[in-house]
PDB file of all heavy atoms in Angstrom:
ATOM      1  N   ILE A   1      39.298  46.660 -30.686  1.00  0.00           N
ATOM      2  CA  ILE A   1      38.790  45.314 -30.939  1.00  0.00           C
ATOM      3  C   ILE A   1      39.085  44.941 -32.388  1.00  0.00           C
ATOM      4  O   ILE A   1      38.722  45.668 -33.313  1.00  0.00           O
ATOM      5  CB  ILE A   1      37.274  45.234 -30.669  1.00  0.00           C
ATOM      6  CG1 ILE A   1      36.969  45.697 -29.241  1.00  0.00           C
ATOM      7  CG2 ILE A   1      36.765  43.816 -30.898  1.00  0.00           C
ATOM      8  CD1 ILE A   1      35.486  45.852 -28.945  1.00  0.00           C
ATOM      9  N   LEU A   2      39.741  43.797 -32.560  1.00  0.00           N
ATOM     10  CA  LEU A   2      40.067  43.289 -33.881  1.00  0.00           C
ATOM     11  C   LEU A   2      39.529  41.876 -34.044  1.00  0.00           C
ATOM     12  O   LEU A   2      39.134  41.245 -33.064  1.00  0.00           O
ATOM     13  CB  LEU A   2      41.591  43.283 -34.098  1.00  0.00           C
ATOM     14  CG  LEU A   2      42.228  44.662 -34.139  1.00  0.00           C
ATOM     15  CD1 LEU A   2      42.801  44.994 -32.789  1.00  0.00           C
ATOM     16  CD2 LEU A   2      43.295  44.736 -35.187  1.00  0.00           C
ATOM     17  N   VAL A   3      39.557  41.394 -35.263  1.00  0.00           N
ATOM     18  CA  VAL A   3      39.159  40.019 -35.540  1.00  0.00           C
ATOM     19  C   VAL A   3      40.327  39.283 -36.191  1.00  0.00           C
ATOM     20  O   VAL A   3      41.050  39.844 -37.003  1.00  0.00           O
ATOM     21  CB  VAL A   3      37.895  39.941 -36.436  1.00  0.00           C
ATOM     22  CG1 VAL A   3      36.700  40.512 -35.718  1.00  0.00           C
ATOM     23  CG2 VAL A   3      38.098  40.645 -37.761  1.00  0.00           C
ATOM     24  N   ARG A   4      40.508  38.059 -35.784  1.00  0.00           N
ATOM     25  CA  ARG A   4      41.486  37.188 -36.436  1.00  0.00           C
ATOM     26  C   ARG A   4      40.672  36.240 -37.300  1.00  0.00           C
ATOM     27  O   ARG A   4      39.763  35.566 -36.823  1.00  0.00           O
ATOM     28  CB  ARG A   4      42.311  36.415 -35.404  1.00  0.00           C
ATOM     29  CG  ARG A   4      43.469  35.648 -36.047  1.00  0.00           C
ATOM     30  CD  ARG A   4      44.358  35.009 -34.997  1.00  0.00           C
ATOM     31  NE  ARG A   4      44.934  35.954 -34.056  1.00  0.00           N
ATOM     32  CZ  ARG A   4      46.056  36.654 -34.260  1.00  0.00           C
ATOM     33  NH1 ARG A   4      46.718  36.523 -35.388  1.00  0.00           N
ATOM     34  NH2 ARG A   4      46.507  37.489 -33.323  1.00  0.00           N
ATOM     35  N   GLN A   5      40.998  36.215 -38.603  1.00  0.00           N
ATOM     36  CA  GLN A   5      40.242  35.353 -39.507  1.00  0.00           C
ATOM     37  C   GLN A   5      41.139  34.797 -40.602  1.00  0.00           C
ATOM     38  O   GLN A   5      42.160  35.371 -40.943  1.00  0.00           O
ATOM     39  CB  GLN A   5      39.047  36.094 -40.096  1.00  0.00           C
ATOM     40  CG  GLN A   5      39.353  37.312 -40.912  1.00  0.00           C
ATOM     41  CD  GLN A   5      38.083  38.048 -41.301  1.00  0.00           C
ATOM     42  OE1 GLN A   5      37.058  37.436 -41.567  1.00  0.00           O
ATOM     43  NE2 GLN A   5      38.140  39.357 -41.340  1.00  0.00           N
ATOM     44  N   TYR A   6      40.703  33.676 -41.124  1.00  0.00           N
ATOM     45  CA  TYR A   6      41.439  32.987 -42.178  1.00  0.00           C
ATOM     46  C   TYR A   6      41.249  33.731 -43.492  1.00  0.00           C
ATOM     47  O   TYR A   6      40.146  34.131 -43.840  1.00  0.00           O
ATOM     48  CB  TYR A   6      40.936  31.548 -42.319  1.00  0.00           C
ATOM     49  CG  TYR A   6      41.644  30.785 -43.413  1.00  0.00           C
ATOM     50  CD1 TYR A   6      42.931  30.312 -43.218  1.00  0.00           C
ATOM     51  CD2 TYR A   6      41.035  30.570 -44.643  1.00  0.00           C
ATOM     52  CE1 TYR A   6      43.593  29.610 -44.221  1.00  0.00           C
ATOM     53  CE2 TYR A   6      41.682  29.879 -45.646  1.00  0.00           C
ATOM     54  CZ  TYR A   6      42.967  29.407 -45.431  1.00  0.00           C
ATOM     55  OH  TYR A   6      43.621  28.731 -46.426  1.00  0.00           O
ATOM     56  N   ARG A   7      42.344  33.881 -44.246  1.00  0.00           N
ATOM     57  CA  ARG A   7      42.322  34.497 -45.568  1.00  0.00           C
ATOM     58  C   ARG A   7      42.922  33.507 -46.568  1.00  0.00           C
ATOM     59  O   ARG A   7      44.119  33.226 -46.536  1.00  0.00           O
ATOM     60  CB  ARG A   7      43.095  35.817 -45.577  1.00  0.00           C
ATOM     61  CG  ARG A   7      42.477  36.904 -44.707  1.00  0.00           C
ATOM     62  CD  ARG A   7      41.077  37.197 -45.147  1.00  0.00           C
ATOM     63  NE  ARG A   7      40.540  38.414 -44.555  1.00  0.00           N
ATOM     64  CZ  ARG A   7      39.324  38.837 -44.782  1.00  0.00           C
ATOM     65  NH1 ARG A   7      38.501  38.140 -45.548  1.00  0.00           N
ATOM     66  NH2 ARG A   7      38.883  39.946 -44.229  1.00  0.00           N
ATOM     67  N   GLY A   8      42.058  32.988 -47.429  1.00  0.00           N
ATOM     68  CA  GLY A   8      42.468  31.936 -48.359  1.00  0.00           C
ATOM     69  C   GLY A   8      43.549  32.341 -49.343  1.00  0.00           C
ATOM     70  O   GLY A   8      44.382  31.513 -49.719  1.00  0.00           O
ATOM     71  N   ALA A   9      43.561  33.594 -49.787  1.00  0.00           N
ATOM     72  CA  ALA A   9      44.548  34.028 -50.779  1.00  0.00           C
ATOM     73  C   ALA A   9      45.976  33.896 -50.259  1.00  0.00           C
ATOM     74  O   ALA A   9      46.907  33.706 -51.045  1.00  0.00           O
ATOM     75  CB  ALA A   9      44.277  35.469 -51.213  1.00  0.00           C
ATOM     76  N   ILE A  10      46.154  33.986 -48.948  1.00  0.00           N
ATOM     77  CA  ILE A  10      47.491  33.824 -48.372  1.00  0.00           C
ATOM     78  C   ILE A  10      47.601  32.563 -47.527  1.00  0.00           C
ATOM     79  O   ILE A  10      48.650  32.318 -46.942  1.00  0.00           O
ATOM     80  CB  ILE A  10      47.910  35.062 -47.544  1.00  0.00           C
ATOM     81  CG1 ILE A  10      46.990  35.258 -46.346  1.00  0.00           C
ATOM     82  CG2 ILE A  10      47.984  36.310 -48.412  1.00  0.00           C
ATOM     83  CD1 ILE A  10      47.500  36.231 -45.312  1.00  0.00           C
ATOM     84  N   ASP A  11      46.498  31.792 -47.438  1.00  0.00           N
ATOM     85  CA  ASP A  11      46.445  30.555 -46.675  1.00  0.00           C
ATOM     86  C   ASP A  11      46.973  30.756 -45.251  1.00  0.00           C
ATOM     87  O   ASP A  11      47.823  30.007 -44.769  1.00  0.00           O
ATOM     88  CB  ASP A  11      47.214  29.443 -47.397  1.00  0.00           C
ATOM     89  CG  ASP A  11      46.977  28.079 -46.753  1.00  0.00           C
ATOM     90  OD1 ASP A  11      45.913  27.885 -46.114  1.00  0.00           O
ATOM     91  OD2 ASP A  11      47.863  27.207 -46.880  1.00  0.00           O
ATOM     92  N   ASP A  12      46.437  31.782 -44.586  1.00  0.00           N
ATOM     93  CA  ASP A  12      46.881  32.065 -43.233  1.00  0.00           C
ATOM     94  C   ASP A  12      45.813  32.920 -42.539  1.00  0.00           C
ATOM     95  O   ASP A  12      44.897  33.427 -43.173  1.00  0.00           O
ATOM     96  CB  ASP A  12      48.220  32.807 -43.244  1.00  0.00           C
ATOM     97  CG  ASP A  12      49.014  32.626 -41.958  1.00  0.00           C
ATOM     98  OD1 ASP A  12      48.491  32.013 -40.990  1.00  0.00           O
ATOM     99  OD2 ASP A  12      50.150  33.113 -41.900  1.00  0.00           O
ATOM    100  N   PHE A  13      45.974  33.088 -41.248  1.00  0.00           N
ATOM    101  CA  PHE A  13      45.094  33.939 -40.462  1.00  0.00           C
ATOM    102  C   PHE A  13      45.692  35.336 -40.376  1.00  0.00           C
ATOM    103  O   PHE A  13      46.912  35.489 -40.261  1.00  0.00           O
ATOM    104  CB  PHE A  13      44.927  33.370 -39.046  1.00  0.00           C
ATOM    105  CG  PHE A  13      44.091  32.127 -39.018  1.00  0.00           C
ATOM    106  CD1 PHE A  13      44.665  30.878 -39.239  1.00  0.00           C
ATOM    107  CD2 PHE A  13      42.731  32.205 -38.786  1.00  0.00           C
ATOM    108  CE1 PHE A  13      43.900  29.735 -39.228  1.00  0.00           C
ATOM    109  CE2 PHE A  13      41.943  31.058 -38.763  1.00  0.00           C
ATOM    110  CZ  PHE A  13      42.532  29.822 -38.989  1.00  0.00           C
ATOM    111  N   LEU A  14      44.827  36.351 -40.433  1.00  0.00           N
ATOM    112  CA  LEU A  14      45.261  37.737 -40.273  1.00  0.00           C
ATOM    113  C   LEU A  14      44.494  38.377 -39.126  1.00  0.00           C
ATOM    114  O   LEU A  14      43.321  38.081 -38.905  1.00  0.00           O
ATOM    115  CB  LEU A  14      44.979  38.555 -41.540  1.00  0.00           C
ATOM    116  CG  LEU A  14      45.876  38.336 -42.745  1.00  0.00           C
ATOM    117  CD1 LEU A  14      45.475  39.282 -43.868  1.00  0.00           C
ATOM    118  CD2 LEU A  14      47.341  38.545 -42.390  1.00  0.00           C
ATOM    119  N   LEU A  15      45.161  39.284 -38.426  1.00  0.00           N
ATOM    120  CA  LEU A  15      44.523  40.101 -37.414  1.00  0.00           C
ATOM    121  C   LEU A  15      44.140  41.412 -38.092  1.00  0.00           C
ATOM    122  O   LEU A  15      45.008  42.101 -38.646  1.00  0.00           O
ATOM    123  CB  LEU A  15      45.480  40.344 -36.244  1.00  0.00           C
ATOM    124  CG  LEU A  15      44.906  41.019 -35.008  1.00  0.00           C
ATOM    125  CD1 LEU A  15      43.739  40.222 -34.423  1.00  0.00           C
ATOM    126  CD2 LEU A  15      45.989  41.238 -33.973  1.00  0.00           C
ATOM    127  N   GLU A  16      42.824  41.739 -38.063  1.00  0.00           N
ATOM    128  CA  GLU A  16      42.316  42.874 -38.827  1.00  0.00           C
ATOM    129  C   GLU A  16      41.278  43.651 -38.034  1.00  0.00           C
ATOM    130  O   GLU A  16      40.627  43.096 -37.156  1.00  0.00           O
ATOM    131  CB  GLU A  16      41.612  42.394 -40.099  1.00  0.00           C
ATOM    132  CG  GLU A  16      42.418  41.484 -40.991  1.00  0.00           C
ATOM    133  CD  GLU A  16      41.581  40.940 -42.137  1.00  0.00           C
ATOM    134  OE1 GLU A  16      40.833  41.718 -42.771  1.00  0.00           O
ATOM    135  OE2 GLU A  16      41.661  39.725 -42.385  1.00  0.00           O
ATOM    136  N   ILE A  17      41.085  44.900 -38.423  1.00  0.00           N
ATOM    137  CA  ILE A  17      39.941  45.646 -37.908  1.00  0.00           C
ATOM    138  C   ILE A  17      38.697  45.124 -38.628  1.00  0.00           C
ATOM    139  O   ILE A  17      38.798  44.575 -39.728  1.00  0.00           O
ATOM    140  CB  ILE A  17      40.114  47.171 -38.118  1.00  0.00           C
ATOM    141  CG1 ILE A  17      40.318  47.521 -39.597  1.00  0.00           C
ATOM    142  CG2 ILE A  17      41.245  47.707 -37.252  1.00  0.00           C
ATOM    143  CD1 ILE A  17      40.344  49.005 -39.892  1.00  0.00           C
ATOM    144  N   PRO A  18      37.515  45.263 -38.030  1.00  0.00           N
ATOM    145  CA  PRO A  18      36.296  44.823 -38.716  1.00  0.00           C
ATOM    146  C   PRO A  18      36.134  45.566 -40.044  1.00  0.00           C
ATOM    147  O   PRO A  18      36.307  46.784 -40.116  1.00  0.00           O
ATOM    148  CB  PRO A  18      35.185  45.205 -37.733  1.00  0.00           C
ATOM    149  CG  PRO A  18      35.860  45.235 -36.394  1.00  0.00           C
ATOM    150  CD  PRO A  18      37.246  45.743 -36.669  1.00  0.00           C
ATOM    151  N   ALA A  19      35.790  44.816 -41.093  1.00  0.00           N
ATOM    152  CA  ALA A  19      35.676  45.407 -42.431  1.00  0.00           C
ATOM    153  C   ALA A  19      34.857  44.498 -43.320  1.00  0.00           C
ATOM    154  O   ALA A  19      34.711  43.312 -43.046  1.00  0.00           O
ATOM    155  CB  ALA A  19      37.066  45.609 -43.031  1.00  0.00           C
ATOM    156  N   GLY A  20      34.372  45.077 -44.409  1.00  0.00           N
ATOM    157  CA  GLY A  20      33.650  44.278 -45.379  1.00  0.00           C
ATOM    158  C   GLY A  20      33.265  45.105 -46.592  1.00  0.00           C
ATOM    159  O   GLY A  20      33.311  46.338 -46.565  1.00  0.00           O
ATOM    160  N   GLY A  21      32.906  44.389 -47.645  1.00  0.00           N
ATOM    161  CA  GLY A  21      32.534  45.035 -48.894  1.00  0.00           C
ATOM    162  C   GLY A  21      31.181  45.707 -48.825  1.00  0.00           C
ATOM    163  O   GLY A  21      30.291  45.277 -48.082  1.00  0.00           O
ATOM    164  N   ARG A  22      31.044  46.765 -49.612  1.00  0.00           N
ATOM    165  CA  ARG A  22      29.749  47.435 -49.711  1.00  0.00           C
ATOM    166  C   ARG A  22      28.777  46.524 -50.448  1.00  0.00           C
ATOM    167  O   ARG A  22      29.167  45.765 -51.328  1.00  0.00           O
ATOM    168  CB  ARG A  22      29.881  48.764 -50.467  1.00  0.00           C
ATOM    169  CG  ARG A  22      30.750  49.761 -49.726  1.00  0.00           C
ATOM    170  CD  ARG A  22      30.653  51.162 -50.268  1.00  0.00           C
ATOM    171  NE  ARG A  22      31.076  51.250 -51.664  1.00  0.00           N
ATOM    172  CZ  ARG A  22      30.876  52.318 -52.435  1.00  0.00           C
ATOM    173  NH1 ARG A  22      30.241  53.379 -51.975  1.00  0.00           N
ATOM    174  NH2 ARG A  22      31.299  52.331 -53.678  1.00  0.00           N
ATOM    175  N   ASP A  23      27.510  46.618 -50.100  1.00  0.00           N
ATOM    176  CA  ASP A  23      26.486  45.806 -50.758  1.00  0.00           C
ATOM    177  C   ASP A  23      26.279  46.236 -52.200  1.00  0.00           C
ATOM    178  O   ASP A  23      25.887  45.425 -53.040  1.00  0.00           O
ATOM    179  CB  ASP A  23      25.159  45.893 -49.995  1.00  0.00           C
ATOM    180  CG  ASP A  23      25.183  45.092 -48.707  1.00  0.00           C
ATOM    181  OD1 ASP A  23      26.048  44.205 -48.565  1.00  0.00           O
ATOM    182  OD2 ASP A  23      24.325  45.358 -47.842  1.00  0.00           O
ATOM    183  N   SER A  24      26.542  47.500 -52.507  1.00  0.00           N
ATOM    184  CA  SER A  24      26.440  48.020 -53.866  1.00  0.00           C
ATOM    185  C   SER A  24      27.413  49.184 -53.994  1.00  0.00           C
ATOM    186  O   SER A  24      27.877  49.727 -52.987  1.00  0.00           O
ATOM    187  CB  SER A  24      25.018  48.499 -54.174  1.00  0.00           C
ATOM    188  OG  SER A  24      24.752  49.705 -53.480  1.00  0.00           O
ATOM    189  N   ALA A  25      27.700  49.581 -55.224  1.00  0.00           N
ATOM    190  CA  ALA A  25      28.610  50.702 -55.447  1.00  0.00           C
ATOM    191  C   ALA A  25      28.023  52.011 -54.949  1.00  0.00           C
ATOM    192  O   ALA A  25      28.748  53.002 -54.814  1.00  0.00           O
ATOM    193  CB  ALA A  25      28.956  50.799 -56.930  1.00  0.00           C
ATOM    194  N   ASP A  26      26.725  52.027 -54.639  1.00  0.00           N
ATOM    195  CA  ASP A  26      26.066  53.235 -54.146  1.00  0.00           C
ATOM    196  C   ASP A  26      25.927  53.275 -52.625  1.00  0.00           C
ATOM    197  O   ASP A  26      25.523  54.296 -52.070  1.00  0.00           O
ATOM    198  CB  ASP A  26      24.663  53.358 -54.759  1.00  0.00           C
ATOM    199  CG  ASP A  26      24.709  53.494 -56.266  1.00  0.00           C
ATOM    200  OD1 ASP A  26      25.681  54.081 -56.785  1.00  0.00           O
ATOM    201  OD2 ASP A  26      23.788  52.994 -56.922  1.00  0.00           O
TER     202      ASP A  26
END
């Protein structure tokens, strides 16, 4: 299962695995 989402830095949609930033460095 992947997600297709808009990425502003490249002004296009990418197909990606689910991902996201950590809430803190810890």
